[in-house]
Amino acid sequence: MRLEISCHDRVGIGQKVLGVFVEHGINVRGIELKETGRIFINIPDREFSELQSFMPQLRLIEGVGDVKTAPYMPSEREKNELATLIKTFPDPFISIDAKGNIRIANTVASSIMGSDQESLVGQHISQWLKGFNFSKWLDSKDVLAQTRRLKFQGDDYVADIMPINVKGEEDNQVLAGAVLILKSEARLGQQINAFKQPNDSTFNGIQANSSSMRKVLREAKRMSQLDASILIMGETGTGKELLARACHGASERSEHPFMTLNCAALPDDVAESELFGTGEKDQQDSKRGIFELADGGTVFLDEIGEMSAKLQSKLLRVIQNGSFRRVDSENEVTVNVRIISSTNKDLLNLVSVGDFREDLYYRLNVFGLSLPALRERRSDILPLAETFITQSAQRIGRTHLKMSDECRDFVEHYPWPGNVRQLENVLTRAASLLEGEEIEVSHLQLPAYTREHGYLEQEFEGTLDAAVKSFEADLLRKLYPAYPSTRQLAKKLGLSHTAIANKLREYDINKKTVKI
């Protein structure tokens, strides 16, 4: 039976407590004072009637607050805690005394040693481990922790050998032995692989109910661990930068900077100075560019298809050599960065018409990720919508905002030409301006749309004939490389050979302008 006594910390209270047990002839097996104000006592099991005779007497001692039974002594818990840890430890664990004799060997170790744990106790460790002189180490003046490669039962292991020191008289450290933790080559390999596993939590903020998005995330997680360029393709607003940040966060570069540049947002000369910096390093007005600031990390080039030919050439050199020159400088700067780029354009088509360097395209597109449009991942729309509404509600201090059933149905089937960004902006506006608690279709500021007739952007400009010709040219440019002759292309589209030939000539589509 174990008792826990709560009391004040004062001289003599322990003696008075023990005096009660002496008076009643109760053998005290153990007493522990683990912390101020708590005394634990281990006594033989007693009948309830016996407890009633002396426990009230304990409570009457001045300074005692309460007396109650305890499930275990603190030392018993610590002993079993340590025993459980040693027993379940996945690697060989051996404890030796100050002379090198085995005191404890866990299940894994005793299995390798080919003997039961009891019979190993007292045997010298040198019988089992070769390549390290334990006796010499234990007899040395300063016994320091060691990490050594040695032979354990004929196989290679890495051993962490750590001394056990006990505080002796006058606070001197007395060597009591050592503990050994051994790791095989296979176990070390497993741990290194586990360490290199991608940090999947960086992808948690990306909604992926749809099979298409789950596929993208699976590929992105694998690519994030391979230190090569990634090209993310997708329409405007699909979340290309969010995915790029997740890839960086899951990579081994995650502790280093993630720097971005929108290639479509700046004039050519400004973009060049932003990327590469200006002036010599020792000049007062010099400036480091994005590549220098991101050294060791990742540079994200958004809308890479808008980059000028001059910058394309300079970027190619950075990828090839890891070096560049600042604007108005002759000195080489060397950096180690990973490039992730994105585009909403058909880069291969830009290559075919000479607007984008082919060698740069293949340097950027070592790994390619295609983000589907929101209308192609319909099962993600409502979860995304609910997330955006919740975020907006938290910002404005309201907790019960929701969409009506009609609004949910409308949101789910709307084509969302601006993708996730448009969905977020529309719902954020609706939630912020809402007077009630429920968002209706009328609260959504969107171009008119019906399932039967689709939608028309209010900003549409041009004529019907121009829109039809633009669509026709895009379709022919995409189909042309897949058909070896114009006759087969004409058959595919249900037109005469002459009609197709005329249209190809009108839109300047041929083997020189389209990469076959």
Protein backbone atom coordinates (compact mmCIF):
# COMPACT_ATOMS: atom_id res chain seq x y z
CA MET A 1 0.00 0.00 0.00
CA ARG A 2 1.25 3.49 -0.85
CA LEU A 3 0.20 6.68 0.92
CA GLU A 4 0.59 10.28 -0.23
CA ILE A 5 0.77 12.87 2.53
CA SER A 6 0.40 16.57 1.73
CA CYS A 7 2.09 18.76 4.32
CA HIS A 8 3.91 22.00 5.05
CA ASP A 9 7.67 22.09 4.67
CA ARG A 10 8.91 22.37 8.25
CA VAL A 11 11.58 20.73 10.38
CA GLY A 12 10.52 17.55 12.18
CA ILE A 13 7.29 16.83 10.37
CA GLY A 14 8.72 13.68 8.77
CA GLN A 15 9.76 12.35 12.20
CA LYS A 16 6.26 12.88 13.57
CA VAL A 17 4.70 11.12 10.58
CA LEU A 18 6.98 8.10 11.02
CA GLY A 19 6.21 8.11 14.75
CA VAL A 20 2.58 7.25 14.01
CA PHE A 21 3.62 4.17 12.05
CA VAL A 22 6.00 3.12 14.86
CA GLU A 23 3.20 3.55 17.41
CA HIS A 24 0.90 1.25 15.39
CA GLY A 25 3.67 -1.28 14.66
CA ILE A 26 3.49 -0.76 10.90
CA ASN A 27 6.63 -1.61 8.91
CA VAL A 28 7.65 1.24 6.60
CA ARG A 29 9.18 -0.26 3.44
CA GLY A 30 10.11 3.03 1.88
CA ILE A 31 9.71 6.78 2.19
CA GLU A 32 10.25 9.36 -0.56
CA LEU A 33 10.21 13.14 -0.55
CA LYS A 34 10.15 13.91 -4.28
CA GLU A 35 9.05 17.50 -3.97
CA THR A 36 8.33 20.08 -1.29
CA GLY A 37 5.06 19.40 0.55
CA ARG A 38 4.55 15.76 -0.51
CA ILE A 39 5.67 12.63 1.33
CA PHE A 40 5.18 9.17 -0.17
CA ILE A 41 5.25 6.12 2.14
CA ASN A 42 5.24 2.43 1.18
CA ILE A 43 3.70 0.09 3.81
CA PRO A 44 2.27 -3.44 3.73
CA ASP A 45 -1.38 -3.68 2.65
CA ARG A 46 -3.81 -3.02 5.54
CA GLU A 47 -7.47 -3.73 6.13
CA PHE A 48 -9.86 -0.82 5.87
CA SER A 49 -10.55 -0.94 9.60
CA GLU A 50 -6.83 -0.51 10.32
CA LEU A 51 -6.65 2.50 8.03
CA GLN A 52 -9.46 4.12 9.96
CA SER A 53 -7.42 3.82 13.16
CA PHE A 54 -4.23 5.64 12.14
CA MET A 55 -5.01 7.79 9.10
CA PRO A 56 -7.06 10.31 11.14
CA GLN A 57 -4.11 10.45 13.54
CA LEU A 58 -1.83 11.41 10.65
CA ARG A 59 -4.22 14.22 9.62
CA LEU A 60 -4.14 15.64 13.18
CA ILE A 61 -0.39 16.25 12.98
CA GLU A 62 0.27 19.97 12.78
CA GLY A 63 1.21 20.88 9.22
CA VAL A 64 -0.37 17.82 7.55
CA GLY A 65 -3.03 18.79 5.02
CA ASP A 66 -4.32 15.53 3.62
CA VAL A 67 -3.61 11.79 3.60
CA LYS A 68 -4.73 9.54 0.75
CA THR A 69 -3.75 6.30 -0.94
CA ALA A 70 -1.49 6.51 -4.02
CA PRO A 71 -1.31 4.03 -6.93
CA TYR A 72 2.51 3.88 -6.85
CA MET A 73 5.64 5.46 -5.41
CA PRO A 74 7.40 8.02 -7.63
CA SER A 75 10.51 5.81 -7.80
CA GLU A 76 8.39 2.85 -8.94
CA ARG A 77 7.03 4.88 -11.81
CA GLU A 78 10.51 6.07 -12.80
CA LYS A 79 11.90 2.52 -12.61
CA ASN A 80 9.13 1.08 -14.79
CA GLU A 81 9.31 4.04 -17.14
CA LEU A 82 13.03 3.40 -17.68
CA ALA A 83 12.50 -0.37 -17.99
CA THR A 84 9.79 0.15 -20.62
CA LEU A 85 12.01 2.57 -22.54
CA ILE A 86 14.94 0.15 -22.58
CA LYS A 87 12.78 -2.84 -23.47
CA THR A 88 11.05 -1.16 -26.40
CA PHE A 89 14.10 0.73 -27.70
CA PRO A 90 14.47 -0.21 -31.40
CA ASP A 91 18.29 -0.34 -31.34
CA PRO A 92 20.67 -2.47 -29.25
CA PHE A 93 21.02 -0.90 -25.78
CA ILE A 94 23.61 -2.12 -23.25
CA SER A 95 24.52 -0.80 -19.79
CA ILE A 96 27.90 -1.68 -18.25
CA ASP A 97 29.44 -1.06 -14.82
CA ALA A 98 32.70 0.77 -14.14
CA LYS A 99 34.69 -2.40 -14.92
CA GLY A 100 33.01 -3.03 -18.28
CA ASN A 101 30.71 -5.84 -17.12
CA ILE A 102 27.20 -6.00 -18.55
CA ARG A 103 24.38 -4.91 -16.22
CA ILE A 104 21.50 -4.54 -18.68
CA ALA A 105 20.98 -5.63 -22.29
CA ASN A 106 17.67 -4.93 -23.98
CA THR A 107 15.77 -7.46 -26.09
CA VAL A 108 17.32 -6.32 -29.38
CA ALA A 109 20.87 -6.54 -28.01
CA SER A 110 20.42 -9.93 -26.30
CA SER A 111 18.89 -11.34 -29.49
CA ILE A 112 21.96 -10.32 -31.52
CA MET A 113 24.25 -11.66 -28.80
CA GLY A 114 22.41 -14.98 -28.92
CA SER A 115 21.73 -15.27 -25.20
CA ASP A 116 19.00 -14.41 -22.69
CA GLN A 117 19.30 -11.14 -20.76
CA GLU A 118 19.86 -12.76 -17.35
CA SER A 119 22.85 -14.87 -18.44
CA LEU A 120 24.55 -11.84 -20.03
CA VAL A 121 24.70 -9.95 -16.74
CA GLY A 122 28.27 -9.93 -15.35
CA GLN A 123 30.01 -10.82 -18.61
CA HIS A 124 32.57 -8.35 -19.95
CA ILE A 125 31.41 -6.28 -22.91
CA SER A 126 34.62 -6.93 -24.85
CA GLN A 127 33.39 -10.46 -25.62
CA TRP A 128 30.74 -8.98 -27.89
CA LEU A 129 32.13 -5.68 -29.14
CA LYS A 130 35.43 -5.41 -31.05
CA GLY A 131 37.28 -2.28 -32.11
CA PHE A 132 37.18 -0.27 -28.87
CA ASN A 133 39.11 -0.78 -25.61
CA PHE A 134 36.43 -0.33 -22.96
CA SER A 135 38.74 -1.16 -20.01
CA LYS A 136 41.28 1.49 -21.04
CA TRP A 137 38.53 4.05 -21.60
CA LEU A 138 36.87 3.37 -18.22
CA ASP A 139 40.26 3.60 -16.42
CA SER A 140 41.25 6.88 -18.07
CA LYS A 141 41.41 10.12 -16.11
CA ASP A 142 38.66 11.85 -18.10
CA VAL A 143 35.99 9.46 -19.32
CA LEU A 144 34.30 11.36 -22.14
CA ALA A 145 31.42 10.37 -24.42
CA GLN A 146 32.48 8.61 -27.61
CA THR A 147 30.94 7.83 -31.01
CA ARG A 148 32.80 4.94 -32.63
CA ARG A 149 32.43 2.53 -35.48
CA LEU A 150 32.99 -1.02 -34.21
CA LYS A 151 32.12 -4.66 -34.76
CA PHE A 152 29.15 -6.12 -32.91
CA GLN A 153 28.91 -9.85 -33.44
CA GLY A 154 30.89 -9.45 -36.66
CA ASP A 155 28.74 -6.70 -38.22
CA ASP A 156 29.52 -2.99 -38.52
CA TYR A 157 27.73 -0.69 -36.07
CA VAL A 158 28.03 2.93 -34.97
CA ALA A 159 28.09 3.08 -31.16
CA ASP A 160 27.26 6.07 -28.95
CA ILE A 161 29.18 5.33 -25.70
CA MET A 162 28.18 7.61 -22.82
CA PRO A 163 29.55 7.54 -19.24
CA ILE A 164 27.24 7.33 -16.22
CA ASN A 165 28.36 9.73 -13.49
CA VAL A 166 26.88 9.80 -10.00
CA LYS A 167 27.31 12.74 -7.60
CA GLY A 168 29.51 11.65 -4.68
CA GLU A 169 30.88 13.35 -1.60
CA GLU A 170 31.58 17.08 -1.85
CA ASP A 171 29.70 17.07 -5.18
CA ASN A 172 32.45 15.05 -6.88
CA GLN A 173 31.44 13.01 -9.93
CA VAL A 174 31.93 9.27 -9.50
CA LEU A 175 32.00 7.02 -12.58
CA ALA A 176 29.34 4.31 -12.24
CA GLY A 177 29.64 2.80 -15.72
CA ALA A 178 28.37 3.59 -19.20
CA VAL A 179 25.48 3.06 -21.59
CA LEU A 180 25.89 2.01 -25.22
CA ILE A 181 23.43 2.63 -28.04
CA LEU A 182 24.33 0.85 -31.28
CA LYS A 183 23.00 1.53 -34.77
CA SER A 184 23.43 -0.73 -37.75
CA GLU A 185 24.07 0.55 -41.27
CA ALA A 186 20.47 -0.32 -42.21
CA ARG A 187 19.04 1.62 -39.26
CA LEU A 188 21.20 4.64 -40.02
CA GLY A 189 19.98 4.53 -43.62
CA GLN A 190 16.36 4.45 -42.47
CA GLN A 191 16.90 7.47 -40.23
CA ILE A 192 18.65 9.46 -42.96
CA ASN A 193 15.81 8.68 -45.38
CA ALA A 194 13.26 9.73 -42.77
CA PHE A 195 15.15 12.98 -42.27
CA LYS A 196 15.00 13.66 -45.99
CA GLN A 197 11.28 13.00 -46.28
CA PRO A 198 9.38 16.05 -47.52
CA ASN A 199 7.77 18.29 -44.99
CA ASP A 200 4.22 17.56 -46.08
CA SER A 201 2.79 20.16 -43.72
CA THR A 202 3.82 22.91 -46.18
CA PHE A 203 1.17 21.56 -48.58
CA ASN A 204 -1.61 21.57 -45.96
CA GLY A 205 -2.88 24.97 -47.04
CA ILE A 206 -3.65 23.71 -50.56
CA GLN A 207 -7.17 22.32 -51.02
CA ALA A 208 -7.05 18.95 -52.79
CA ASN A 209 -10.32 17.02 -52.69
CA SER A 210 -10.29 16.44 -56.44
CA SER A 211 -8.26 13.62 -57.96
CA SER A 212 -6.50 16.07 -60.31
CA MET A 213 -5.21 18.21 -57.44
CA ARG A 214 -4.23 15.19 -55.35
CA LYS A 215 -2.12 14.03 -58.32
CA VAL A 216 -0.47 17.47 -58.57
CA LEU A 217 0.38 17.47 -54.86
CA ARG A 218 1.79 13.93 -54.99
CA GLU A 219 4.11 14.96 -57.82
CA ALA A 220 5.00 18.27 -56.15
CA LYS A 221 6.01 16.56 -52.90
CA ARG A 222 8.40 14.28 -54.78
CA MET A 223 9.79 17.10 -56.92
CA SER A 224 10.40 19.32 -53.90
CA GLN A 225 13.11 16.91 -52.72
CA LEU A 226 14.93 16.87 -56.07
CA ASP A 227 17.05 19.99 -56.40
CA ALA A 228 16.19 20.92 -59.99
CA SER A 229 14.13 23.62 -61.71
CA ILE A 230 10.34 23.38 -61.65
CA LEU A 231 7.98 24.98 -64.17
CA ILE A 232 4.42 25.45 -62.89
CA MET A 233 1.85 25.91 -65.66
CA GLY A 234 -1.71 27.05 -65.21
CA GLU A 235 -4.24 29.78 -65.82
CA THR A 236 -4.12 33.05 -63.91
CA GLY A 237 -5.34 32.66 -60.33
CA THR A 238 -4.89 28.90 -60.00
CA GLY A 239 -2.41 29.24 -57.10
CA LYS A 240 0.95 28.83 -58.81
CA GLU A 241 2.86 30.91 -56.26
CA LEU A 242 1.20 29.09 -53.35
CA LEU A 243 2.38 25.77 -54.82
CA ALA A 244 5.87 27.17 -55.41
CA ARG A 245 6.11 28.27 -51.76
CA ALA A 246 4.99 24.81 -50.63
CA CYS A 247 7.68 23.17 -52.79
CA HIS A 248 10.30 25.47 -51.28
CA GLY A 249 9.06 24.80 -47.74
CA ALA A 250 9.27 21.03 -48.26
CA SER A 251 12.76 21.17 -49.75
CA GLU A 252 16.17 21.12 -48.08
CA ARG A 253 16.39 24.84 -48.91
CA SER A 254 13.46 25.70 -46.62
CA GLU A 255 15.68 27.47 -44.05
CA HIS A 256 16.93 29.86 -46.74
CA PRO A 257 15.06 32.73 -48.48
CA PHE A 258 12.21 32.40 -50.97
CA MET A 259 12.35 35.43 -53.29
CA THR A 260 9.83 36.31 -56.01
CA LEU A 261 9.74 38.45 -59.12
CA ASN A 262 6.73 39.01 -61.36
CA CYS A 263 8.25 39.19 -64.83
CA ALA A 264 5.16 40.89 -66.26
CA ALA A 265 4.92 43.65 -63.67
CA LEU A 266 8.17 45.57 -64.27
CA PRO A 267 9.90 47.27 -67.22
CA ASP A 268 12.89 45.36 -68.60
CA ASP A 269 15.61 47.55 -67.02
CA VAL A 270 13.90 47.56 -63.61
CA ALA A 271 13.43 43.78 -63.69
CA GLU A 272 17.12 43.34 -64.55
CA SER A 273 18.32 45.44 -61.61
CA GLU A 274 15.84 43.69 -59.28
CA LEU A 275 17.13 40.27 -60.30
CA PHE A 276 20.86 40.92 -60.56
CA GLY A 277 21.50 44.03 -58.50
CA THR A 278 23.48 47.12 -59.46
CA GLY A 279 27.03 48.46 -59.07
CA GLU A 280 30.20 47.06 -57.54
CA LYS A 281 30.03 45.51 -54.08
CA ASP A 282 32.25 48.17 -52.51
CA GLN A 283 30.28 51.10 -53.93
CA GLN A 284 28.03 52.99 -51.56
CA ASP A 285 25.05 53.01 -53.92
CA SER A 286 25.39 49.34 -54.93
CA LYS A 287 22.41 47.04 -54.43
CA ARG A 288 22.12 43.28 -54.14
CA GLY A 289 19.56 41.68 -56.40
CA ILE A 290 17.08 38.86 -55.80
CA PHE A 291 19.57 36.16 -56.82
CA GLU A 292 22.12 37.30 -54.24
CA LEU A 293 19.49 37.75 -51.53
CA ALA A 294 18.16 34.25 -52.20
CA ASP A 295 21.57 32.53 -52.11
CA GLY A 296 21.02 29.01 -50.77
CA GLY A 297 17.27 29.29 -51.27
CA THR A 298 14.72 29.58 -54.07
CA VAL A 299 13.90 32.23 -56.68
CA PHE A 300 10.33 32.19 -57.98
CA LEU A 301 9.90 33.81 -61.40
CA ASP A 302 6.20 34.45 -61.94
CA GLU A 303 4.90 34.72 -65.53
CA ILE A 304 8.25 33.75 -67.02
CA GLY A 305 6.72 33.91 -70.51
CA GLU A 306 6.76 37.73 -70.25
CA MET A 307 10.55 37.88 -69.74
CA SER A 308 12.47 39.80 -72.40
CA ALA A 309 15.04 38.17 -74.69
CA LYS A 310 17.87 40.03 -72.92
CA LEU A 311 16.88 38.75 -69.49
CA GLN A 312 16.30 35.26 -70.88
CA SER A 313 19.94 35.13 -71.99
CA LYS A 314 21.21 36.34 -68.63
CA LEU A 315 18.94 33.91 -66.74
CA LEU A 316 20.20 31.01 -68.86
CA ARG A 317 23.76 31.85 -67.82
CA VAL A 318 22.79 31.82 -64.14
CA ILE A 319 21.22 28.37 -64.53
CA GLN A 320 24.21 27.01 -66.45
CA ASN A 321 27.06 28.49 -64.43
CA GLY A 322 25.52 29.76 -61.21
CA SER A 323 27.08 33.16 -61.89
CA PHE A 324 26.17 36.58 -63.31
CA ARG A 325 27.21 40.21 -63.31
CA ARG A 326 25.40 43.03 -61.62
CA VAL A 327 24.16 45.89 -63.78
CA ASP A 328 27.05 48.33 -64.35
CA SER A 329 29.60 45.85 -62.98
CA GLU A 330 32.30 43.67 -64.50
CA ASN A 331 32.73 41.37 -61.48
CA GLU A 332 31.26 37.88 -61.39
CA VAL A 333 28.85 36.98 -58.60
CA THR A 334 28.32 33.29 -57.83
CA VAL A 335 25.16 32.01 -56.16
CA ASN A 336 23.47 28.71 -55.36
CA VAL A 337 19.73 29.00 -55.96
CA ARG A 338 16.90 26.82 -57.17
CA ILE A 339 14.59 28.35 -59.76
CA ILE A 340 10.87 27.73 -59.75
CA SER A 341 9.01 29.52 -62.52
CA SER A 342 5.39 29.81 -63.58
CA THR A 343 3.46 30.75 -66.67
CA ASN A 344 -0.12 31.06 -67.92
CA LYS A 345 1.08 30.99 -71.52
CA ASP A 346 1.87 28.14 -73.91
CA LEU A 347 5.66 28.37 -73.70
CA LEU A 348 6.17 25.78 -76.43
CA ASN A 349 4.15 27.95 -78.76
CA LEU A 350 6.28 30.96 -77.77
CA VAL A 351 9.37 28.86 -78.53
CA SER A 352 7.96 27.94 -81.95
CA VAL A 353 7.42 31.58 -82.93
CA GLY A 354 10.81 32.66 -81.55
CA ASP A 355 9.55 34.64 -78.54
CA PHE A 356 11.11 32.33 -75.96
CA ARG A 357 14.49 30.61 -75.99
CA GLU A 358 14.20 26.87 -76.53
CA ASP A 359 17.34 26.09 -74.47
CA LEU A 360 15.98 28.14 -71.55
CA TYR A 361 12.60 26.39 -71.76
CA TYR A 362 14.18 22.99 -71.27
CA ARG A 363 16.39 24.32 -68.46
CA LEU A 364 13.34 25.64 -66.62
CA ASN A 365 11.11 22.66 -67.35
CA VAL A 366 13.22 19.91 -65.76
CA PHE A 367 10.15 19.14 -63.69
CA GLY A 368 6.76 20.35 -64.89
CA LEU A 369 3.56 20.77 -62.89
CA SER A 370 0.22 21.63 -64.52
CA LEU A 371 -2.31 23.21 -62.19
CA PRO A 372 -5.88 22.51 -63.33
CA ALA A 373 -8.34 25.36 -63.65
CA LEU A 374 -10.88 25.63 -60.82
CA ARG A 375 -13.71 24.59 -63.15
CA GLU A 376 -11.80 21.32 -63.76
CA ARG A 377 -11.59 20.51 -60.03
CA ARG A 378 -15.21 21.09 -59.08
CA SER A 379 -15.07 19.06 -55.85
CA ASP A 380 -12.58 21.62 -54.47
CA ILE A 381 -14.82 24.65 -55.04
CA LEU A 382 -17.12 24.44 -51.99
CA PRO A 383 -14.36 23.54 -49.50
CA LEU A 384 -12.35 26.50 -50.81
CA ALA A 385 -15.40 28.77 -50.62
CA GLU A 386 -16.09 27.79 -47.02
CA THR A 387 -12.45 28.40 -46.10
CA PHE A 388 -12.51 31.90 -47.60
CA ILE A 389 -15.80 32.76 -45.86
CA THR A 390 -14.44 31.54 -42.50
CA GLN A 391 -11.26 33.59 -42.95
CA SER A 392 -13.27 36.70 -43.85
CA ALA A 393 -15.62 36.18 -40.90
CA GLN A 394 -12.68 35.98 -38.50
CA ARG A 395 -11.19 39.19 -39.86
CA ILE A 396 -14.41 41.15 -39.33
CA GLY A 397 -15.30 39.50 -36.01
CA ARG A 398 -18.34 37.49 -37.15
CA THR A 399 -18.65 33.76 -36.59
CA HIS A 400 -21.86 32.52 -38.24
CA LEU A 401 -21.55 33.49 -41.89
CA LYS A 402 -22.61 30.88 -44.42
CA MET A 403 -23.92 30.48 -47.98
CA SER A 404 -27.55 29.72 -48.77
CA ASP A 405 -28.28 26.42 -50.55
CA GLU A 406 -28.99 28.30 -53.77
CA CYS A 407 -25.70 30.20 -53.45
CA ARG A 408 -23.76 26.99 -52.79
CA ASP A 409 -25.21 25.43 -55.93
CA PHE A 410 -24.42 28.54 -57.97
CA VAL A 411 -20.83 28.78 -56.66
CA GLU A 412 -20.20 25.11 -57.36
CA HIS A 413 -21.29 25.35 -61.00
CA TYR A 414 -20.00 28.80 -61.93
CA PRO A 415 -17.02 28.47 -64.36
CA TRP A 416 -14.73 30.85 -62.39
CA PRO A 417 -12.60 32.19 -65.26
CA GLY A 418 -10.34 33.90 -62.67
CA ASN A 419 -9.97 30.62 -60.80
CA VAL A 420 -9.19 30.45 -57.05
CA ARG A 421 -8.17 34.11 -56.86
CA GLN A 422 -11.52 35.22 -58.29
CA LEU A 423 -13.43 32.92 -55.93
CA GLU A 424 -11.56 34.32 -52.93
CA ASN A 425 -12.02 37.96 -53.96
CA VAL A 426 -15.74 37.57 -54.69
CA LEU A 427 -16.51 35.79 -51.41
CA THR A 428 -14.30 38.13 -49.35
CA ARG A 429 -16.19 41.11 -50.74
CA ALA A 430 -19.58 39.49 -50.18
CA ALA A 431 -18.75 38.50 -46.58
CA SER A 432 -17.31 41.92 -45.75
CA LEU A 433 -20.34 43.86 -47.01
CA LEU A 434 -22.99 41.40 -45.83
CA GLU A 435 -25.57 42.79 -43.38
CA GLY A 436 -27.16 39.45 -42.40
CA GLU A 437 -25.68 36.02 -41.74
CA GLU A 438 -26.32 34.26 -45.07
CA ILE A 439 -24.67 34.95 -48.40
CA GLU A 440 -27.08 34.84 -51.37
CA VAL A 441 -26.35 34.74 -55.11
CA SER A 442 -27.31 38.41 -55.31
CA HIS A 443 -24.40 39.28 -52.99
CA LEU A 444 -21.85 37.92 -55.46
CA GLN A 445 -20.45 40.52 -57.85
CA LEU A 446 -19.98 38.43 -61.01
CA PRO A 447 -20.71 38.62 -64.75
CA ALA A 448 -24.14 37.21 -65.59
CA TYR A 449 -24.04 33.44 -65.97
CA THR A 450 -26.50 30.58 -66.55
CA ARG A 451 -25.79 26.91 -67.04
CA GLU A 452 -27.65 26.98 -70.35
CA HIS A 453 -25.93 30.00 -71.92
CA GLY A 454 -22.69 30.34 -69.99
CA TYR A 455 -21.40 33.83 -69.17
CA LEU A 456 -20.14 36.93 -70.89
CA GLU A 457 -17.43 39.05 -69.33
CA GLN A 458 -18.59 42.65 -69.04
CA GLU A 459 -15.11 43.82 -70.09
CA PHE A 460 -15.26 41.93 -73.43
CA GLU A 461 -13.94 44.05 -76.29
CA GLY A 462 -13.78 43.46 -80.04
CA THR A 463 -16.05 41.93 -82.65
CA LEU A 464 -17.55 38.45 -82.96
CA ASP A 465 -15.56 37.85 -86.14
CA ALA A 466 -12.27 38.71 -84.38
CA ALA A 467 -13.14 36.42 -81.43
CA VAL A 468 -13.99 33.52 -83.78
CA LYS A 469 -10.77 33.97 -85.76
CA SER A 470 -8.69 34.08 -82.56
CA PHE A 471 -10.25 30.82 -81.36
CA GLU A 472 -9.81 29.24 -84.81
CA ALA A 473 -6.12 30.19 -84.99
CA ASP A 474 -5.43 28.83 -81.48
CA LEU A 475 -7.18 25.55 -82.30
CA LEU A 476 -5.27 25.06 -85.57
CA ARG A 477 -1.95 25.94 -83.94
CA LYS A 478 -2.50 23.26 -81.27
CA LEU A 479 -3.76 20.56 -83.68
CA TYR A 480 -1.31 21.13 -86.52
CA PRO A 481 1.72 19.33 -84.94
CA ALA A 482 -0.37 16.22 -84.28
CA TYR A 483 -1.27 15.57 -87.95
CA PRO A 484 1.40 14.68 -90.53
CA SER A 485 -0.60 16.12 -93.44
CA THR A 486 -3.12 18.90 -94.00
CA ARG A 487 -5.48 16.35 -95.57
CA GLN A 488 -5.69 14.42 -92.30
CA LEU A 489 -6.19 17.66 -90.37
CA ALA A 490 -8.97 18.65 -92.80
CA LYS A 491 -10.64 15.26 -92.28
CA LYS A 492 -10.42 15.67 -88.49
CA LEU A 493 -12.15 19.08 -88.64
CA GLY A 494 -14.67 18.15 -91.32
CA LEU A 495 -13.38 20.66 -93.87
CA SER A 496 -11.94 20.43 -97.36
CA HIS A 497 -8.20 20.25 -97.89
CA THR A 498 -8.30 23.60 -99.69
CA ALA A 499 -10.17 25.31 -96.82
CA ILE A 500 -7.64 24.09 -94.26
CA ALA A 501 -4.69 25.10 -96.46
CA ASN A 502 -6.14 28.60 -96.84
CA LYS A 503 -6.70 28.99 -93.09
CA LEU A 504 -3.17 27.81 -92.26
CA ARG A 505 -1.83 30.32 -94.75
CA GLU A 506 -4.05 33.10 -93.33
CA TYR A 507 -2.84 32.49 -89.75
CA ASP A 508 0.81 31.91 -90.81
CA ILE A 509 0.87 28.38 -89.37
CA ASN A 510 3.56 26.15 -90.86
CA LYS A 511 6.49 23.92 -89.90
CA LYS A 512 8.72 26.91 -89.29
CA THR A 513 6.37 28.64 -86.88
CA VAL A 514 5.03 25.55 -85.12
CA LYS A 515 7.40 23.04 -83.51
CA ILE A 516 6.59 19.58 -84.89
